[in-house]
Amino acid sequence: MAEAKRGDTVRVHYKGTLNDGKVFDSSEGTGPIEFTVGSGQLIPGFEAAVEGMKAGEARRITIPAEEAYGERSEERLLTIEKSQLPEDLEPAVGQQLQMSQGGQTFRVAIAEVADDAVVVDANHPLAGRDLTFELKLVDIV
């Protein structure tokens, strides 16, 4: 039976959990995810874990933060003057916003609210966290 290798398109069922057991993502109810191994479509540790698996095989792996969404960076905390926010926005800690920079749009979360400014966190919400995945290779397409 063939093993998944770089360049293969695969379909994988998965469940991702944090160290406390909380599920942060799953293919349950949506069907398996399809991607090309080694293409960089997914976090590096996930793609590497699928390499060598056979159709029908299941595996549980823990991906360290540096092979997932990276470590948290204080440099990704940005201070924005409230005057730059939409007038009708009432900023609150934890609120999600979209920002554009250099032609790219990305999500940030408000980390702090002051009288005249807000601090937004542009780190990925899972940055700095080790991630555990239960994988099942459905097939190699």
Protein backbone atom coordinates (compact mmCIF):
# COMPACT_ATOMS: atom_id res chain seq x y z
CA MET A 1 0.00 0.00 0.00
CA ALA A 2 1.34 3.44 -0.95
CA GLU A 3 2.55 5.92 1.66
CA ALA A 4 1.83 9.64 1.43
CA LYS A 5 4.83 11.61 0.17
CA ARG A 6 5.65 15.16 -0.87
CA GLY A 7 3.62 16.17 -3.91
CA ASP A 8 0.74 13.76 -3.16
CA THR A 9 -2.74 15.19 -2.75
CA VAL A 10 -4.30 13.64 0.35
CA ARG A 11 -7.56 13.75 2.28
CA VAL A 12 -7.26 13.74 6.08
CA HIS A 13 -9.73 13.75 8.96
CA TYR A 14 -8.34 15.57 11.99
CA LYS A 15 -9.12 16.84 15.46
CA GLY A 16 -6.86 19.48 17.00
CA THR A 17 -6.66 19.94 20.77
CA LEU A 18 -4.73 22.13 23.17
CA ASN A 19 -2.79 20.87 26.21
CA ASP A 20 -5.93 21.21 28.35
CA GLY A 21 -7.87 18.94 25.96
CA LYS A 22 -9.97 21.77 24.48
CA VAL A 23 -10.76 21.14 20.78
CA PHE A 24 -9.77 24.15 18.66
CA ASP A 25 -10.53 22.66 15.22
CA SER A 26 -11.91 19.50 13.67
CA SER A 27 -13.01 18.10 10.34
CA GLU A 28 -15.97 16.41 12.04
CA GLY A 29 -19.15 17.42 10.29
CA THR A 30 -17.35 19.12 7.40
CA GLY A 31 -15.50 16.22 5.82
CA PRO A 32 -11.78 15.61 5.48
CA ILE A 33 -9.37 18.36 4.51
CA GLU A 34 -7.68 17.96 1.12
CA PHE A 35 -4.18 19.32 0.49
CA THR A 36 -0.93 18.60 -1.30
CA VAL A 37 1.78 17.32 1.04
CA GLY A 38 4.77 19.69 1.14
CA SER A 39 2.96 22.58 -0.56
CA GLY A 40 2.92 24.81 2.53
CA GLN A 41 -0.89 24.98 2.59
CA LEU A 42 -0.95 23.87 6.24
CA ILE A 43 1.31 24.32 9.24
CA PRO A 44 4.64 22.51 8.71
CA GLY A 45 4.23 20.00 11.55
CA PHE A 46 0.83 18.86 10.23
CA GLU A 47 2.14 18.25 6.72
CA ALA A 48 5.23 16.44 8.05
CA ALA A 49 3.05 14.16 10.20
CA VAL A 50 1.05 12.99 7.19
CA GLU A 51 4.18 12.00 5.23
CA GLY A 52 4.64 8.23 5.41
CA MET A 53 1.04 7.50 6.41
CA LYS A 54 -0.99 4.90 4.48
CA ALA A 55 -4.68 5.23 3.57
CA GLY A 56 -6.77 4.22 6.58
CA GLU A 57 -3.91 4.80 9.04
CA ALA A 58 -4.52 6.89 12.17
CA ARG A 59 -1.92 8.75 14.20
CA ARG A 60 -1.81 11.10 17.21
CA ILE A 61 0.92 13.73 17.19
CA THR A 62 1.92 16.80 19.16
CA ILE A 63 3.32 19.67 17.13
CA PRO A 64 5.55 22.12 19.02
CA ALA A 65 4.67 25.80 18.64
CA GLU A 66 7.65 26.50 16.37
CA GLU A 67 6.33 23.94 13.83
CA ALA A 68 2.77 25.24 14.14
CA TYR A 69 2.02 28.99 14.33
CA GLY A 70 5.35 30.02 15.83
CA GLU A 71 6.15 31.64 19.13
CA ARG A 72 4.29 34.72 20.36
CA SER A 73 6.09 37.94 19.53
CA GLU A 74 5.82 41.16 21.50
CA GLU A 75 6.71 42.93 18.25
CA ARG A 76 3.28 41.95 16.95
CA LEU A 77 1.57 44.10 19.58
CA LEU A 78 0.65 47.37 17.88
CA THR A 79 -0.63 50.62 19.36
CA ILE A 80 -3.31 52.36 17.32
CA GLU A 81 -4.75 55.78 18.05
CA LYS A 82 -8.51 55.64 18.61
CA SER A 83 -8.86 58.40 16.00
CA GLN A 84 -7.79 55.81 13.38
CA LEU A 85 -10.67 53.48 14.30
CA PRO A 86 -14.17 53.73 12.82
CA GLU A 87 -16.22 56.37 14.70
CA ASP A 88 -18.99 53.91 15.59
CA LEU A 89 -16.59 51.33 17.07
CA GLU A 90 -16.67 50.91 20.85
CA PRO A 91 -13.38 49.00 21.41
CA ALA A 92 -13.29 46.21 23.99
CA VAL A 93 -10.58 43.76 25.05
CA GLY A 94 -10.86 40.54 23.02
CA GLN A 95 -12.74 42.18 20.16
CA GLN A 96 -11.60 41.00 16.71
CA LEU A 97 -10.76 43.53 14.00
CA GLN A 98 -9.45 43.32 10.45
CA MET A 99 -6.41 45.35 9.47
CA SER A 100 -4.74 45.93 6.13
CA GLN A 101 -1.05 46.51 5.67
CA GLY A 102 1.06 46.20 2.55
CA GLY A 103 -1.92 44.93 0.56
CA GLN A 104 -2.60 42.09 3.01
CA THR A 105 -5.63 41.82 5.29
CA PHE A 106 -5.31 40.04 8.62
CA ARG A 107 -7.18 39.65 11.91
CA VAL A 108 -6.06 41.20 15.16
CA ALA A 109 -7.54 41.14 18.65
CA ILE A 110 -7.77 44.14 20.94
CA ALA A 111 -5.47 43.41 23.88
CA GLU A 112 -5.75 46.70 25.77
CA VAL A 113 -7.94 49.82 25.68
CA ALA A 114 -6.66 53.21 26.89
CA ASP A 115 -8.27 56.66 26.75
CA ASP A 116 -6.77 57.63 23.39
CA ALA A 117 -5.42 54.37 21.94
CA VAL A 118 -5.83 50.62 21.74
CA VAL A 119 -3.20 47.90 21.68
CA VAL A 120 -3.93 45.16 19.16
CA ASP A 121 -2.35 41.72 19.08
CA ALA A 122 -1.46 40.56 15.55
CA ASN A 123 -0.11 37.17 16.75
CA HIS A 124 -2.07 34.16 15.53
CA PRO A 125 -4.44 33.09 18.35
CA LEU A 126 -2.58 29.73 18.56
CA ALA A 127 0.93 31.24 18.48
CA GLY A 128 3.11 29.95 21.30
CA ARG A 129 0.97 26.85 21.83
CA ASP A 130 1.84 23.20 21.25
CA LEU A 131 -0.96 21.53 19.28
CA THR A 132 -2.07 17.90 19.43
CA PHE A 133 -3.77 16.33 16.42
CA GLU A 134 -5.55 13.06 15.92
CA LEU A 135 -5.13 12.32 12.19
CA LYS A 136 -6.65 9.72 9.91
CA LEU A 137 -5.45 9.53 6.31
CA VAL A 138 -8.65 8.87 4.36
CA ASP A 139 -6.95 8.47 0.99
CA ILE A 140 -4.23 9.55 -1.38
CA VAL A 141 -6.00 11.13 -4.34
